[in-house]
Each structure stands twice: as C-alpha cells, then as structure tokens.
Protein backbone atom coordinates (compact mmCIF):
# COMPACT_ATOMS: atom_id res chain seq x y z
CA MET A 1 -9.45 3.82 -7.84
CA ALA A 2 -12.95 5.12 -7.17
CA ILE A 3 -13.49 8.67 -8.31
CA THR A 4 -14.53 10.97 -5.47
CA PRO A 5 -14.57 14.77 -5.36
CA GLU A 6 -11.84 14.73 -2.71
CA ARG A 7 -9.57 12.55 -4.86
CA GLU A 8 -10.27 14.66 -7.95
CA ASN A 9 -8.64 17.54 -6.07
CA GLN A 10 -5.48 15.47 -5.55
CA VAL A 11 -5.00 13.47 -8.77
CA LEU A 12 -5.86 13.52 -12.44
CA PHE A 13 -8.27 10.71 -13.23
CA SER A 14 -8.65 8.90 -16.51
CA ILE A 15 -12.13 8.44 -17.85
CA PRO A 16 -13.90 5.87 -15.66
CA TYR A 17 -13.90 2.39 -17.15
CA TYR A 18 -15.75 0.17 -14.72
CA ASN A 19 -18.31 0.22 -11.95
CA THR A 20 -19.51 -2.79 -9.99
CA PRO A 21 -23.22 -2.83 -9.17
CA SER A 22 -24.89 -3.15 -5.80
CA VAL A 23 -27.57 -5.77 -5.12
CA TRP A 24 -30.34 -6.64 -2.70
CA ILE A 25 -29.95 -10.03 -1.00
CA THR A 26 -32.54 -11.92 1.04
CA ARG A 27 -33.21 -15.46 2.15
CA ARG A 28 -34.34 -17.73 -0.68
CA ASP A 29 -37.64 -18.54 1.07
CA ARG A 30 -38.62 -14.85 1.35
CA ASP A 31 -40.95 -13.23 -1.19
CA ILE A 32 -39.91 -9.57 -1.17
CA ASP A 33 -40.60 -7.11 -3.98
CA ILE A 34 -38.00 -4.36 -3.58
CA ASN A 35 -40.06 -2.09 -5.87
CA ASP A 36 -43.17 -2.25 -3.66
CA LYS A 37 -42.46 0.30 -0.94
CA ASP A 38 -45.71 -0.47 0.87
CA ALA A 39 -44.70 -4.12 1.22
CA LEU A 40 -41.25 -3.09 2.48
CA GLU A 41 -42.68 -1.12 5.40
CA GLY A 42 -41.06 -2.32 8.62
CA LEU A 43 -38.63 -4.77 7.01
CA SER A 44 -35.00 -4.57 8.13
CA VAL A 45 -31.97 -4.06 5.91
CA GLY A 46 -28.32 -4.27 6.82
CA VAL A 47 -25.62 -2.08 5.27
CA GLN A 48 -22.02 -1.31 6.05
CA ARG A 49 -21.88 2.07 7.78
CA GLY A 50 -20.54 5.00 5.76
CA THR A 51 -20.59 3.28 2.36
CA ILE A 52 -22.33 4.30 -0.84
CA ARG A 53 -24.83 1.53 -0.12
CA ASP A 54 -25.60 3.13 3.24
CA SER A 55 -26.19 6.45 1.45
CA TYR A 56 -28.41 4.83 -1.18
CA VAL A 57 -30.60 2.94 1.29
CA THR A 58 -30.87 6.00 3.53
CA GLN A 59 -31.87 8.33 0.69
CA MET A 60 -34.12 5.95 -1.24
CA TYR A 61 -35.62 3.76 1.51
CA GLY A 62 -35.01 5.64 4.77
CA ASP A 63 -38.71 6.31 5.19
CA THR A 64 -39.66 2.67 4.57
CA LEU A 65 -37.02 0.20 5.72
CA ASP A 66 -35.58 -0.22 9.21
CA ILE A 67 -31.89 0.41 8.45
CA HIS A 68 -29.26 -1.39 10.53
CA ARG A 69 -25.73 -0.09 10.07
CA TYR A 70 -22.68 -2.24 10.75
CA SER A 71 -18.96 -1.66 10.92
CA SER A 72 -18.28 -4.45 8.40
CA SER A 73 -19.97 -6.35 5.60
CA GLN A 74 -19.27 -9.57 7.51
CA ASP A 75 -21.37 -8.28 10.40
CA VAL A 76 -24.23 -7.59 7.96
CA ALA A 77 -23.87 -11.10 6.55
CA ASN A 78 -23.87 -12.66 10.03
CA ASP A 79 -27.17 -11.00 10.89
CA LEU A 80 -28.78 -11.92 7.57
CA VAL A 81 -27.64 -15.54 7.97
CA SER A 82 -28.96 -15.66 11.54
CA GLY A 83 -32.34 -14.22 10.51
CA ARG A 84 -31.99 -10.91 12.36
CA LEU A 85 -32.29 -9.05 9.04
CA ASP A 86 -34.73 -9.31 6.15
CA LEU A 87 -32.37 -7.84 3.53
CA SER A 88 -28.80 -6.87 2.82
CA PHE A 89 -27.71 -4.27 0.27
CA GLU A 90 -24.24 -5.23 -0.87
CA ASP A 91 -21.57 -4.79 -3.51
CA TYR A 92 -22.25 -7.47 -6.17
CA PRO A 93 -18.89 -9.31 -6.11
CA LEU A 94 -18.88 -9.32 -2.31
CA ALA A 95 -22.45 -10.66 -2.25
CA VAL A 96 -21.51 -13.47 -4.64
CA ASP A 97 -18.61 -14.52 -2.42
CA THR A 98 -20.48 -14.09 0.86
CA PHE A 99 -23.95 -15.46 0.09
CA HIS A 100 -23.27 -17.68 -2.96
CA PHE A 101 -26.72 -16.59 -4.14
CA LYS A 102 -26.15 -17.89 -7.66
CA ASP A 103 -25.75 -21.47 -6.41
CA ASP A 104 -28.89 -23.62 -6.60
CA ASP A 105 -28.42 -24.84 -3.03
CA SER A 106 -27.82 -21.37 -1.54
CA ASP A 107 -30.10 -20.16 1.23
CA PHE A 108 -30.00 -16.69 -0.37
CA LYS A 109 -31.11 -14.96 -3.54
CA LYS A 110 -30.71 -11.63 -5.27
CA ILE A 111 -33.88 -9.62 -5.73
CA GLY A 112 -34.44 -6.68 -8.05
CA GLU A 113 -32.07 -5.25 -10.61
CA ASN A 114 -28.36 -4.56 -10.26
CA ILE A 115 -27.96 -0.94 -9.16
CA LYS A 116 -25.25 1.53 -10.28
CA THR A 117 -27.19 4.79 -10.27
CA PRO A 118 -27.76 7.56 -9.36
CA THR A 119 -24.31 8.97 -9.98
CA SER A 120 -24.83 11.40 -7.11
CA ILE A 121 -24.55 8.40 -4.78
CA PHE A 122 -22.59 5.73 -6.67
CA GLY A 123 -20.13 8.11 -8.27
CA LYS A 124 -18.62 8.08 -11.72
CA GLY A 125 -17.00 4.66 -11.43
CA ALA A 126 -13.39 3.57 -11.10
CA ALA A 127 -10.50 5.06 -13.05
CA MET A 128 -6.74 5.21 -13.24
CA ALA A 129 -5.16 7.96 -11.14
CA PHE A 130 -2.32 10.03 -12.59
CA ARG A 131 -0.23 12.85 -11.23
CA LYS A 132 -1.85 16.15 -12.19
CA ARG A 133 1.10 17.02 -14.42
CA ASP A 134 0.78 13.78 -16.47
CA LYS A 135 -1.92 15.07 -18.80
CA GLU A 136 -0.36 13.55 -21.92
CA LEU A 137 -0.11 10.09 -20.34
CA ALA A 138 -3.72 10.34 -19.11
CA ALA A 139 -4.86 11.33 -22.61
CA GLU A 140 -3.10 8.29 -24.10
CA PHE A 141 -4.67 6.03 -21.49
CA ASN A 142 -8.10 7.53 -22.18
CA GLN A 143 -7.71 6.87 -25.89
CA ALA A 144 -6.73 3.26 -25.18
CA ILE A 145 -9.89 2.81 -23.09
CA ARG A 146 -12.00 4.33 -25.86
CA ASP A 147 -10.33 2.04 -28.40
CA VAL A 148 -11.02 -1.19 -26.48
CA TYR A 149 -14.64 -0.13 -26.10
CA ALA A 150 -14.94 0.79 -29.78
CA ASP A 151 -13.45 -2.43 -31.15
CA GLY A 152 -15.46 -4.69 -28.84
CA THR A 153 -12.51 -5.90 -26.76
CA TYR A 154 -13.94 -4.48 -23.53
CA ASP A 155 -17.26 -6.30 -23.93
CA LYS A 156 -15.51 -9.53 -24.93
CA LEU A 157 -13.28 -9.47 -21.84
CA MET A 158 -16.11 -8.40 -19.54
CA LYS A 159 -18.26 -11.32 -20.69
CA GLN A 160 -15.31 -13.70 -20.35
CA TYR A 161 -14.53 -12.76 -16.74
CA PHE A 162 -17.76 -11.34 -15.29
CA ASP A 163 -21.36 -12.50 -15.33
CA TYR A 164 -22.62 -8.96 -14.70
CA ASP A 165 -22.19 -5.60 -16.38
CA ILE A 166 -19.31 -3.45 -15.12
CA SER A 167 -19.26 -1.15 -18.15
CA LEU A 168 -19.81 2.58 -18.27
CA PRO A 169 -20.80 4.87 -21.16
CA VAL A 170 -17.19 5.64 -22.10
CA GLY A 171 -17.92 7.02 -25.56
CA LYS A 172 -19.57 10.12 -24.08
CA GLN A 173 -16.49 11.20 -22.12
C-alpha cells in the first residue's frame, strides 16, 4: 500500500520496501530532451488527473509544458498514439504494458531517467499496513525487510523479476 499522510493516521506502516518509477514517453521519431526546458516550451504532455505524476509535471514543468489532464491513463495513451500529445508521463510498469517502448518495433520510446523523487511528490514508497496496535508484528516485518536487503536477497529477486530499480534506502529507516 502506498504511504500517504492520510493513511499514516489510520494504520501503522512498515518501512517502505519498494517504489516504482515514473517515466517520460514519446514517439520514437521525436527528438525531445526532457532536461532542456527551453526546447520543451509549448510541447504537450498528458497525465492522469489527480495522480502523483500530475503533481510532478505541474510543479516541475507547469511553466513550460502544455499539460493535458485525463480521467484515465488509457485516455492519455490514446492521445499520444493519435499524435495529439507530444509526451506522456506515466508509471513505469504501466508504460511498459501500454506503449511497449522496450520493443525494437515500438512506435514509442522512454526519454530521460526513471523518476522517483522528490519524496514530497512521490511519497515514501509502498509498505505493509498493520493495525496500530500490532507494533511487535510490524517490528518483526521491518527486521525481515532489513535482513533481505542486507543479505542481498532483495537485489537478487529485484533483478530476477524487474528490469528497473524498485528499491529504497531501507538501511536508513
């Protein structure tokens, strides 16, 4: 479950143990440098309304990009596919499934780095939720997460099942 301030008031969270990144997607034939704000001036981006990606694009690129907000990620994808958008900012696993950007014959590509920060927008990651009174169980779970990080099991499993980094700095929590 994603850790939010509202949920922290209701449940006891374990330490966060994963966070999927967000990515920029554009058509393969486009040459867009997401780090060059001058070159982004006037380009359009689609995001799902009310998501962390909407918040990120609004805060970081609201003065540069023409932001189009949609009620669903599928609506964003439809407009990128049809050419009505220059960019999409999407959750990585959803972008893989929707745009198949890693396939050589895909019409789309990922540009820029995978994005998981700032924490003020993307949150602390995902964690297990416990009843507030289950402090001992949460502590045991937290130790198990720390142990699988420490012995390398987490990295081994992540690399086996994911081709992107979902890890968080668990040792500091």
